Amino acid sequence: KGLEDCADWITQQVKESGATMAIGHSLGGLGLLKAIEKGD
C-alpha cells in the first residue's frame, strides 16, 4: 500500500543481513527514511 510496506520490507532485509549501514536511491531512500521514522 505504499511507503509503509517499503519500510517493513527494508527493515526485514536489514535485520536478516546484519547490515549496520544502508544506502537507498530514490524510492529506496524514502523507504529507509520511513523505517527509521517508525522506530523499526
Full PDB file with SEQRES, HELIX, SHEET, SSBOND, CRYST1, ORIGX, SCALE, CONECT and MASTER records, all heavy atoms in Angstrom:
SEQRES   1 A   40  LYS GLY LEU GLU ASP CYS ALA ASP TRP ILE THR GLN GLN          
SEQRES   2 A   40  VAL LYS GLU SER GLY ALA THR MET ALA ILE GLY HIS SER          
SEQRES   3 A   40  LEU GLY GLY LEU GLY LEU LEU LYS ALA ILE GLU LYS GLY          
SEQRES   4 A   40  ASP                                                          
HELIX    1 AA1 LEU A    3  SER A   17  1                                  15    
HELIX    2 AA2 LEU A   27  LYS A   38  1                                  12    
CRYST1    1.000    1.000    1.000  90.00  90.00  90.00 P 1           1          
ORIGX1      1.000000  0.000000  0.000000        0.00000                         
ORIGX2      0.000000  1.000000  0.000000        0.00000                         
ORIGX3      0.000000  0.000000  1.000000        0.00000                         
SCALE1      1.000000  0.000000  0.000000        0.00000                         
SCALE2      0.000000  1.000000  0.000000        0.00000                         
SCALE3      0.000000  0.000000  1.000000        0.00000                         
ATOM      1  N   LYS A   1       0.816  -1.217   0.000  1.00  0.00           N  
ATOM      2  CA  LYS A   1       0.000   0.000   0.000  1.00  0.00           C  
ATOM      3  C   LYS A   1       0.851   1.269   0.000  1.00  0.00           C  
ATOM      4  O   LYS A   1       0.339   2.348   0.220  1.00  0.00           O  
ATOM      5  CB  LYS A   1      -0.913   0.024   1.232  1.00  0.00           C  
ATOM      6  CG  LYS A   1      -1.782  -1.208   1.354  1.00  0.00           C  
ATOM      7  CD  LYS A   1      -2.985  -1.119   0.435  1.00  0.00           C  
ATOM      8  CE  LYS A   1      -3.975  -2.221   0.756  1.00  0.00           C  
ATOM      9  NZ  LYS A   1      -4.139  -3.170  -0.357  1.00  0.00           N  
ATOM     10  N   GLY A   2       2.163   1.137  -0.225  1.00  0.00           N  
ATOM     11  CA  GLY A   2       2.990   2.332  -0.303  1.00  0.00           C  
ATOM     12  C   GLY A   2       4.216   2.270   0.579  1.00  0.00           C  
ATOM     13  O   GLY A   2       4.823   1.211   0.779  1.00  0.00           O  
ATOM     14  N   LEU A   3       4.584   3.419   1.140  1.00  0.00           N  
ATOM     15  CA  LEU A   3       5.852   3.555   1.854  1.00  0.00           C  
ATOM     16  C   LEU A   3       5.953   2.672   3.090  1.00  0.00           C  
ATOM     17  O   LEU A   3       7.032   2.184   3.424  1.00  0.00           O  
ATOM     18  CB  LEU A   3       6.070   5.016   2.266  1.00  0.00           C  
ATOM     19  CG  LEU A   3       6.659   5.956   1.209  1.00  0.00           C  
ATOM     20  CD1 LEU A   3       6.827   7.346   1.802  1.00  0.00           C  
ATOM     21  CD2 LEU A   3       7.983   5.433   0.696  1.00  0.00           C  
ATOM     22  N   GLU A   4       4.847   2.462   3.787  1.00  0.00           N  
ATOM     23  CA  GLU A   4       4.883   1.629   4.989  1.00  0.00           C  
ATOM     24  C   GLU A   4       5.380   0.228   4.638  1.00  0.00           C  
ATOM     25  O   GLU A   4       6.200  -0.353   5.361  1.00  0.00           O  
ATOM     26  CB  GLU A   4       3.491   1.555   5.625  1.00  0.00           C  
ATOM     27  CG  GLU A   4       3.020   2.854   6.245  1.00  0.00           C  
ATOM     28  CD  GLU A   4       3.414   2.978   7.700  1.00  0.00           C  
ATOM     29  OE1 GLU A   4       3.906   1.988   8.271  1.00  0.00           O  
ATOM     30  OE2 GLU A   4       3.237   4.070   8.259  1.00  0.00           O  
ATOM     31  N   ASP A   5       4.903  -0.318   3.537  1.00  0.00           N  
ATOM     32  CA  ASP A   5       5.311  -1.658   3.144  1.00  0.00           C  
ATOM     33  C   ASP A   5       6.758  -1.676   2.662  1.00  0.00           C  
ATOM     34  O   ASP A   5       7.486  -2.645   2.914  1.00  0.00           O  
ATOM     35  CB  ASP A   5       4.385  -2.187   2.049  1.00  0.00           C  
ATOM     36  CG  ASP A   5       2.976  -2.427   2.575  1.00  0.00           C  
ATOM     37  OD1 ASP A   5       2.816  -3.289   3.453  1.00  0.00           O  
ATOM     38  OD2 ASP A   5       2.056  -1.743   2.124  1.00  0.00           O  
ATOM     39  N   CYS A   6       7.172  -0.611   1.961  1.00  0.00           N  
ATOM     40  CA  CYS A   6       8.587  -0.492   1.590  1.00  0.00           C  
ATOM     41  C   CYS A   6       9.456  -0.515   2.842  1.00  0.00           C  
ATOM     42  O   CYS A   6      10.475  -1.213   2.900  1.00  0.00           O  
ATOM     43  CB  CYS A   6       8.838   0.816   0.845  1.00  0.00           C  
ATOM     44  SG  CYS A   6       8.116   0.925  -0.785  1.00  0.00           S  
ATOM     45  N   ALA A   7       9.055   0.257   3.833  1.00  0.00           N  
ATOM     46  CA  ALA A   7       9.824   0.354   5.071  1.00  0.00           C  
ATOM     47  C   ALA A   7       9.894  -0.990   5.785  1.00  0.00           C  
ATOM     48  O   ALA A   7      10.955  -1.389   6.282  1.00  0.00           O  
ATOM     49  CB  ALA A   7       9.198   1.405   5.989  1.00  0.00           C  
ATOM     50  N   ASP A   8       8.777  -1.711   5.836  1.00  0.00           N  
ATOM     51  CA  ASP A   8       8.763  -3.004   6.520  1.00  0.00           C  
ATOM     52  C   ASP A   8       9.669  -4.009   5.816  1.00  0.00           C  
ATOM     53  O   ASP A   8      10.388  -4.776   6.470  1.00  0.00           O  
ATOM     54  CB  ASP A   8       7.332  -3.548   6.583  1.00  0.00           C  
ATOM     55  CG  ASP A   8       6.438  -2.728   7.493  1.00  0.00           C  
ATOM     56  OD1 ASP A   8       6.971  -1.941   8.300  1.00  0.00           O  
ATOM     57  OD2 ASP A   8       5.202  -2.857   7.386  1.00  0.00           O  
ATOM     58  N   TRP A   9       9.642  -3.998   4.485  1.00  0.00           N  
ATOM     59  CA  TRP A   9      10.493  -4.924   3.736  1.00  0.00           C  
ATOM     60  C   TRP A   9      11.970  -4.583   3.931  1.00  0.00           C  
ATOM     61  O   TRP A   9      12.798  -5.481   4.148  1.00  0.00           O  
ATOM     62  CB  TRP A   9      10.131  -4.877   2.249  1.00  0.00           C  
ATOM     63  CG  TRP A   9      10.985  -5.766   1.400  1.00  0.00           C  
ATOM     64  CD1 TRP A   9      10.899  -7.128   1.290  1.00  0.00           C  
ATOM     65  CD2 TRP A   9      12.075  -5.365   0.564  1.00  0.00           C  
ATOM     66  NE1 TRP A   9      11.865  -7.599   0.432  1.00  0.00           N  
ATOM     67  CE2 TRP A   9      12.599  -6.536  -0.028  1.00  0.00           C  
ATOM     68  CE3 TRP A   9      12.643  -4.131   0.251  1.00  0.00           C  
ATOM     69  CZ2 TRP A   9      13.676  -6.507  -0.919  1.00  0.00           C  
ATOM     70  CZ3 TRP A   9      13.719  -4.090  -0.625  1.00  0.00           C  
ATOM     71  CH2 TRP A   9      14.217  -5.277  -1.203  1.00  0.00           C  
ATOM     72  N   ILE A  10      12.308  -3.301   3.895  1.00  0.00           N  
ATOM     73  CA  ILE A  10      13.695  -2.889   4.096  1.00  0.00           C  
ATOM     74  C   ILE A  10      14.169  -3.254   5.499  1.00  0.00           C  
ATOM     75  O   ILE A  10      15.286  -3.752   5.688  1.00  0.00           O  
ATOM     76  CB  ILE A  10      13.848  -1.380   3.837  1.00  0.00           C  
ATOM     77  CG1 ILE A  10      13.703  -1.089   2.338  1.00  0.00           C  
ATOM     78  CG2 ILE A  10      15.192  -0.870   4.355  1.00  0.00           C  
ATOM     79  CD1 ILE A  10      13.634   0.384   1.991  1.00  0.00           C  
ATOM     80  N   THR A  11      13.316  -3.027   6.500  1.00  0.00           N  
ATOM     81  CA  THR A  11      13.671  -3.395   7.874  1.00  0.00           C  
ATOM     82  C   THR A  11      13.985  -4.877   7.974  1.00  0.00           C  
ATOM     83  O   THR A  11      14.966  -5.284   8.613  1.00  0.00           O  
ATOM     84  CB  THR A  11      12.531  -3.029   8.833  1.00  0.00           C  
ATOM     85  OG1 THR A  11      12.325  -1.608   8.810  1.00  0.00           O  
ATOM     86  CG2 THR A  11      12.847  -3.463  10.254  1.00  0.00           C  
ATOM     87  N   GLN A  12      13.177  -5.698   7.332  1.00  0.00           N  
ATOM     88  CA  GLN A  12      13.403  -7.144   7.339  1.00  0.00           C  
ATOM     89  C   GLN A  12      14.746  -7.489   6.697  1.00  0.00           C  
ATOM     90  O   GLN A  12      15.505  -8.309   7.217  1.00  0.00           O  
ATOM     91  CB  GLN A  12      12.281  -7.850   6.595  1.00  0.00           C  
ATOM     92  CG  GLN A  12      12.444  -9.358   6.517  1.00  0.00           C  
ATOM     93  CD  GLN A  12      11.366 -10.018   5.677  1.00  0.00           C  
ATOM     94  OE1 GLN A  12      10.428  -9.371   5.210  1.00  0.00           O  
ATOM     95  NE2 GLN A  12      11.485 -11.314   5.480  1.00  0.00           N  
ATOM     96  N   GLN A  13      15.054  -6.832   5.570  1.00  0.00           N  
ATOM     97  CA  GLN A  13      16.323  -7.112   4.879  1.00  0.00           C  
ATOM     98  C   GLN A  13      17.521  -6.699   5.726  1.00  0.00           C  
ATOM     99  O   GLN A  13      18.549  -7.392   5.759  1.00  0.00           O  
ATOM    100  CB  GLN A  13      16.356  -6.380   3.524  1.00  0.00           C  
ATOM    101  CG  GLN A  13      15.227  -6.717   2.581  1.00  0.00           C  
ATOM    102  CD  GLN A  13      15.074  -8.206   2.354  1.00  0.00           C  
ATOM    103  OE1 GLN A  13      16.034  -8.893   2.018  1.00  0.00           O  
ATOM    104  NE2 GLN A  13      13.859  -8.703   2.547  1.00  0.00           N  
ATOM    105  N   VAL A  14      17.399  -5.569   6.406  1.00  0.00           N  
ATOM    106  CA  VAL A  14      18.495  -5.112   7.265  1.00  0.00           C  
ATOM    107  C   VAL A  14      18.720  -6.100   8.406  1.00  0.00           C  
ATOM    108  O   VAL A  14      19.862  -6.485   8.701  1.00  0.00           O  
ATOM    109  CB  VAL A  14      18.201  -3.703   7.822  1.00  0.00           C  
ATOM    110  CG1 VAL A  14      19.206  -3.332   8.911  1.00  0.00           C  
ATOM    111  CG2 VAL A  14      18.243  -2.668   6.695  1.00  0.00           C  
ATOM    112  N   LYS A  15      17.646  -6.537   9.038  1.00  0.00           N  
ATOM    113  CA  LYS A  15      17.781  -7.451  10.169  1.00  0.00           C  
ATOM    114  C   LYS A  15      18.341  -8.800   9.737  1.00  0.00           C  
ATOM    115  O   LYS A  15      19.184  -9.387  10.430  1.00  0.00           O  
ATOM    116  CB  LYS A  15      16.424  -7.615  10.857  1.00  0.00           C  
ATOM    117  CG  LYS A  15      15.971  -6.359  11.586  1.00  0.00           C  
ATOM    118  CD  LYS A  15      14.612  -6.549  12.254  1.00  0.00           C  
ATOM    119  CE  LYS A  15      14.218  -5.289  13.030  1.00  0.00           C  
ATOM    120  NZ  LYS A  15      12.872  -5.415  13.657  1.00  0.00           N  
ATOM    121  N   GLU A  16      17.914  -9.294   8.582  1.00  0.00           N  
ATOM    122  CA  GLU A  16      18.388 -10.593   8.107  1.00  0.00           C  
ATOM    123  C   GLU A  16      19.855 -10.542   7.688  1.00  0.00           C  
ATOM    124  O   GLU A  16      20.581 -11.517   7.828  1.00  0.00           O  
ATOM    125  CB  GLU A  16      17.529 -11.076   6.939  1.00  0.00           C  
ATOM    126  CG  GLU A  16      16.122 -11.488   7.354  1.00  0.00           C  
ATOM    127  CD  GLU A  16      15.272 -11.927   6.173  1.00  0.00           C  
ATOM    128  OE1 GLU A  16      15.761 -11.873   5.017  1.00  0.00           O  
ATOM    129  OE2 GLU A  16      14.117 -12.337   6.408  1.00  0.00           O  
ATOM    130  N   SER A  17      20.284  -9.390   7.173  1.00  0.00           N  
ATOM    131  CA  SER A  17      21.659  -9.264   6.683  1.00  0.00           C  
ATOM    132  C   SER A  17      22.646  -8.857   7.768  1.00  0.00           C  
ATOM    133  O   SER A  17      23.854  -9.038   7.613  1.00  0.00           O  
ATOM    134  CB  SER A  17      21.714  -8.240   5.552  1.00  0.00           C  
ATOM    135  OG  SER A  17      21.433  -6.934   6.045  1.00  0.00           O  
ATOM    136  N   GLY A  18      22.135  -8.274   8.851  1.00  0.00           N  
ATOM    137  CA  GLY A  18      23.015  -7.747   9.891  1.00  0.00           C  
ATOM    138  C   GLY A  18      23.701  -6.465   9.487  1.00  0.00           C  
ATOM    139  O   GLY A  18      24.711  -6.077  10.082  1.00  0.00           O  
ATOM    140  N   ALA A  19      23.173  -5.771   8.482  1.00  0.00           N  
ATOM    141  CA  ALA A  19      23.784  -4.536   7.997  1.00  0.00           C  
ATOM    142  C   ALA A  19      23.776  -3.469   9.083  1.00  0.00           C  
ATOM    143  O   ALA A  19      22.812  -3.334   9.841  1.00  0.00           O  
ATOM    144  CB  ALA A  19      23.046  -4.032   6.760  1.00  0.00           C  
ATOM    145  N   THR A  20      24.862  -2.706   9.134  1.00  0.00           N  
ATOM    146  CA  THR A  20      24.952  -1.585  10.076  1.00  0.00           C  
ATOM    147  C   THR A  20      24.771  -0.248   9.375  1.00  0.00           C  
ATOM    148  O   THR A  20      24.639   0.782  10.025  1.00  0.00           O  
ATOM    149  CB  THR A  20      26.320  -1.589  10.779  1.00  0.00           C  
ATOM    150  OG1 THR A  20      27.365  -1.540   9.790  1.00  0.00           O  
ATOM    151  CG2 THR A  20      26.493  -2.851  11.618  1.00  0.00           C  
ATOM    152  N   MET A  21      24.775  -0.283   8.029  1.00  0.00           N  
ATOM    153  CA  MET A  21      24.575   0.920   7.232  1.00  0.00           C  
ATOM    154  C   MET A  21      23.727   0.556   6.016  1.00  0.00           C  
ATOM    155  O   MET A  21      23.682  -0.603   5.604  1.00  0.00           O  
ATOM    156  CB  MET A  21      25.920   1.505   6.780  1.00  0.00           C  
ATOM    157  CG  MET A  21      26.766   2.043   7.911  1.00  0.00           C  
ATOM    158  SD  MET A  21      28.428   2.544   7.371  1.00  0.00           S  
ATOM    159  CE  MET A  21      29.242   0.948   7.315  1.00  0.00           C  
ATOM    160  N   ALA A  22      23.071   1.574   5.450  1.00  0.00           N  
ATOM    161  CA  ALA A  22      22.260   1.328   4.257  1.00  0.00           C  
ATOM    162  C   ALA A  22      22.290   2.560   3.363  1.00  0.00           C  
ATOM    163  O   ALA A  22      22.380   3.694   3.835  1.00  0.00           O  
ATOM    164  CB  ALA A  22      20.827   0.990   4.639  1.00  0.00           C  
ATOM    165  N   ILE A  23      22.233   2.294   2.061  1.00  0.00           N  
ATOM    166  CA  ILE A  23      22.221   3.348   1.053  1.00  0.00           C  
ATOM    167  C   ILE A  23      21.016   3.121   0.159  1.00  0.00           C  
ATOM    168  O   ILE A  23      20.856   2.047  -0.433  1.00  0.00           O  
ATOM    169  CB  ILE A  23      23.516   3.331   0.212  1.00  0.00           C  
ATOM    170  CG1 ILE A  23      24.727   3.542   1.115  1.00  0.00           C  
ATOM    171  CG2 ILE A  23      23.453   4.390  -0.889  1.00  0.00           C  
ATOM    172  CD1 ILE A  23      26.065   3.446   0.392  1.00  0.00           C  
ATOM    173  N   GLY A  24      20.133   4.108   0.084  1.00  0.00           N  
ATOM    174  CA  GLY A  24      18.936   3.978  -0.729  1.00  0.00           C  
ATOM    175  C   GLY A  24      18.857   5.060  -1.779  1.00  0.00           C  
ATOM    176  O   GLY A  24      19.145   6.225  -1.509  1.00  0.00           O  
ATOM    177  N   HIS A  25      18.446   4.666  -2.971  1.00  0.00           N  
ATOM    178  CA  HIS A  25      18.295   5.598  -4.083  1.00  0.00           C  
ATOM    179  C   HIS A  25      16.821   5.845  -4.328  1.00  0.00           C  
ATOM    180  O   HIS A  25      16.028   4.901  -4.416  1.00  0.00           O  
ATOM    181  CB  HIS A  25      18.941   5.004  -5.344  1.00  0.00           C  
ATOM    182  CG  HIS A  25      18.695   5.780  -6.593  1.00  0.00           C  
ATOM    183  ND1 HIS A  25      18.011   5.259  -7.671  1.00  0.00           N  
ATOM    184  CD2 HIS A  25      19.025   7.046  -6.936  1.00  0.00           C  
ATOM    185  CE1 HIS A  25      17.944   6.166  -8.630  1.00  0.00           C  
ATOM    186  NE2 HIS A  25      18.549   7.261  -8.214  1.00  0.00           N  
ATOM    187  N   SER A  26      16.425   7.110  -4.375  1.00  0.00           N  
ATOM    188  CA  SER A  26      15.057   7.492  -4.737  1.00  0.00           C  
ATOM    189  C   SER A  26      14.046   6.787  -3.830  1.00  0.00           C  
ATOM    190  O   SER A  26      14.025   7.021  -2.628  1.00  0.00           O  
ATOM    191  CB  SER A  26      14.842   7.179  -6.225  1.00  0.00           C  
ATOM    192  OG  SER A  26      13.699   7.803  -6.735  1.00  0.00           O  
ATOM    193  N   LEU A  27      13.211   5.894  -4.369  1.00  0.00           N  
ATOM    194  CA  LEU A  27      12.246   5.173  -3.544  1.00  0.00           C  
ATOM    195  C   LEU A  27      12.932   4.382  -2.440  1.00  0.00           C  
ATOM    196  O   LEU A  27      12.425   4.297  -1.311  1.00  0.00           O  
ATOM    197  CB  LEU A  27      11.407   4.242  -4.413  1.00  0.00           C  
ATOM    198  CG  LEU A  27      10.409   3.352  -3.673  1.00  0.00           C  
ATOM    199  CD1 LEU A  27       9.340   4.182  -2.987  1.00  0.00           C  
ATOM    200  CD2 LEU A  27       9.782   2.342  -4.631  1.00  0.00           C  
ATOM    201  N   GLY A  28      14.099   3.825  -2.742  1.00  0.00           N  
ATOM    202  CA  GLY A  28      14.833   3.096  -1.710  1.00  0.00           C  
ATOM    203  C   GLY A  28      15.206   3.977  -0.539  1.00  0.00           C  
ATOM    204  O   GLY A  28      15.160   3.557   0.620  1.00  0.00           O  
ATOM    205  N   GLY A  29      15.567   5.224  -0.828  1.00  0.00           N  
ATOM    206  CA  GLY A  29      15.875   6.169   0.236  1.00  0.00           C  
ATOM    207  C   GLY A  29      14.650   6.538   1.055  1.00  0.00           C  
ATOM    208  O   GLY A  29      14.708   6.650   2.283  1.00  0.00           O  
ATOM    209  N   LEU A  30      13.536   6.724   0.372  1.00  0.00           N  
ATOM    210  CA  LEU A  30      12.295   7.049   1.093  1.00  0.00           C  
ATOM    211  C   LEU A  30      11.882   5.907   2.011  1.00  0.00           C  
ATOM    212  O   LEU A  30      11.430   6.134   3.137  1.00  0.00           O  
ATOM    213  CB  LEU A  30      11.177   7.355   0.091  1.00  0.00           C  
ATOM    214  CG  LEU A  30      11.302   8.656  -0.698  1.00  0.00           C  
ATOM    215  CD1 LEU A  30      10.174   8.758  -1.728  1.00  0.00           C  
ATOM    216  CD2 LEU A  30      11.280   9.863   0.219  1.00  0.00           C  
ATOM    217  N   GLY A  31      12.015   4.679   1.519  1.00  0.00           N  
ATOM    218  CA  GLY A  31      11.691   3.530   2.362  1.00  0.00           C  
ATOM    219  C   GLY A  31      12.576   3.461   3.597  1.00  0.00           C  
ATOM    220  O   GLY A  31      12.101   3.142   4.696  1.00  0.00           O  
ATOM    221  N   LEU A  32      13.858   3.754   3.419  1.00  0.00           N  
ATOM    222  CA  LEU A  32      14.775   3.790   4.568  1.00  0.00           C  
ATOM    223  C   LEU A  32      14.351   4.845   5.581  1.00  0.00           C  
ATOM    224  O   LEU A  32      14.300   4.582   6.791  1.00  0.00           O  
ATOM    225  CB  LEU A  32      16.192   4.094   4.086  1.00  0.00           C  
ATOM    226  CG  LEU A  32      17.070   2.937   3.636  1.00  0.00           C  
ATOM    227  CD1 LEU A  32      18.349   3.467   3.009  1.00  0.00           C  
ATOM    228  CD2 LEU A  32      17.391   2.022   4.813  1.00  0.00           C  
ATOM    229  N   LEU A  33      14.052   6.040   5.090  1.00  0.00           N  
ATOM    230  CA  LEU A  33      13.643   7.118   5.989  1.00  0.00           C  
ATOM    231  C   LEU A  33      12.370   6.757   6.745  1.00  0.00           C  
ATOM    232  O   LEU A  33      12.250   7.040   7.947  1.00  0.00           O  
ATOM    233  CB  LEU A  33      13.442   8.414   5.196  1.00  0.00           C  
ATOM    234  CG  LEU A  33      14.688   9.023   4.553  1.00  0.00           C  
ATOM    235  CD1 LEU A  33      14.303  10.220   3.691  1.00  0.00           C  
ATOM    236  CD2 LEU A  33      15.707   9.445   5.617  1.00  0.00           C  
ATOM    237  N   LYS A  34      11.434   6.144   6.056  1.00  0.00           N  
ATOM    238  CA  LYS A  34      10.178   5.752   6.710  1.00  0.00           C  
ATOM    239  C   LYS A  34      10.436   4.715   7.794  1.00  0.00           C  
ATOM    240  O   LYS A  34       9.842   4.784   8.884  1.00  0.00           O  
ATOM    241  CB  LYS A  34       9.190   5.210   5.672  1.00  0.00           C  
ATOM    242  CG  LYS A  34       7.775   5.044   6.229  1.00  0.00           C  
ATOM    243  CD  LYS A  34       7.188   6.395   6.584  1.00  0.00           C  
ATOM    244  CE  LYS A  34       5.766   6.291   7.096  1.00  0.00           C  
ATOM    245  NZ  LYS A  34       5.234   7.603   7.526  1.00  0.00           N  
ATOM    246  N   ALA A  35      11.310   3.765   7.521  1.00  0.00           N  
ATOM    247  CA  ALA A  35      11.623   2.735   8.510  1.00  0.00           C  
ATOM    248  C   ALA A  35      12.273   3.342   9.747  1.00  0.00           C  
ATOM    249  O   ALA A  35      11.978   2.958  10.881  1.00  0.00           O  
ATOM    250  CB  ALA A  35      12.538   1.679   7.890  1.00  0.00           C  
ATOM    251  N   ILE A  36      13.162   4.309   9.532  1.00  0.00           N  
ATOM    252  CA  ILE A  36      13.813   4.986  10.663  1.00  0.00           C  
ATOM    253  C   ILE A  36      12.798   5.808  11.444  1.00  0.00           C  
ATOM    254  O   ILE A  36      12.771   5.787  12.682  1.00  0.00           O  
ATOM    255  CB  ILE A  36      14.966   5.866  10.153  1.00  0.00           C  
ATOM    256  CG1 ILE A  36      16.064   5.005   9.537  1.00  0.00           C  
ATOM    257  CG2 ILE A  36      15.533   6.725  11.286  1.00  0.00           C  
ATOM    258  CD1 ILE A  36      17.098   5.791   8.761  1.00  0.00           C  
ATOM    259  N   GLU A  37      11.945   6.537  10.731  1.00  0.00           N  
ATOM    260  CA  GLU A  37      10.938   7.362  11.394  1.00  0.00           C  
ATOM    261  C   GLU A  37      10.012   6.514  12.267  1.00  0.00           C  
ATOM    262  O   GLU A  37       9.633   6.917  13.377  1.00  0.00           O  
ATOM    263  CB  GLU A  37      10.111   8.105  10.344  1.00  0.00           C  
ATOM    264  CG  GLU A  37       9.016   8.981  10.934  1.00  0.00           C  
ATOM    265  CD  GLU A  37       7.797   9.071  10.022  1.00  0.00           C  
ATOM    266  OE1 GLU A  37       7.353   8.027   9.513  1.00  0.00           O  
ATOM    267  OE2 GLU A  37       7.282  10.171   9.857  1.00  0.00           O  
ATOM    268  N   LYS A  38       9.651   5.332  11.785  1.00  0.00           N  
ATOM    269  CA  LYS A  38       8.754   4.447  12.543  1.00  0.00           C  
ATOM    270  C   LYS A  38       9.417   3.894  13.796  1.00  0.00           C  
ATOM    271  O   LYS A  38       8.729   3.380  14.689  1.00  0.00           O  
ATOM    272  CB  LYS A  38       8.313   3.279  11.662  1.00  0.00           C  
ATOM    273  CG  LYS A  38       7.374   3.662  10.530  1.00  0.00           C  
ATOM    274  CD  LYS A  38       7.098   2.465   9.619  1.00  0.00           C  
ATOM    275  CE  LYS A  38       6.370   1.358  10.375  1.00  0.00           C  
ATOM    276  NZ  LYS A  38       6.103   0.187   9.493  1.00  0.00           N  
ATOM    277  N   GLY A  39      10.747   3.974  13.872  1.00  0.00           N  
ATOM    278  CA  GLY A  39      11.454   3.432  15.018  1.00  0.00           C  
ATOM    279  C   GLY A  39      11.772   1.962  14.882  1.00  0.00           C  
ATOM    280  O   GLY A  39      12.254   1.331  15.835  1.00  0.00           O  
ATOM    281  N   ASP A  40      11.522   1.405  13.685  1.00  0.00           N  
ATOM    282  CA  ASP A  40      11.753  -0.024  13.479  1.00  0.00           C  
ATOM    283  C   ASP A  40      13.197  -0.331  13.129  1.00  0.00           C  
ATOM    284  O   ASP A  40      13.624  -1.486  13.200  1.00  0.00           O  
ATOM    285  CB  ASP A  40      10.865  -0.553  12.344  1.00  0.00           C  
ATOM    286  CG  ASP A  40       9.382  -0.464  12.676  1.00  0.00           C  
ATOM    287  OD1 ASP A  40       9.058  -0.399  13.877  1.00  0.00           O  
ATOM    288  OD2 ASP A  40       8.564  -0.461  11.738  1.00  0.00           O  
TER     289      ASP A  40                                                      
MASTER        0    0    0    2    0    0    0    6  288    1    0    4          
END                                                                             
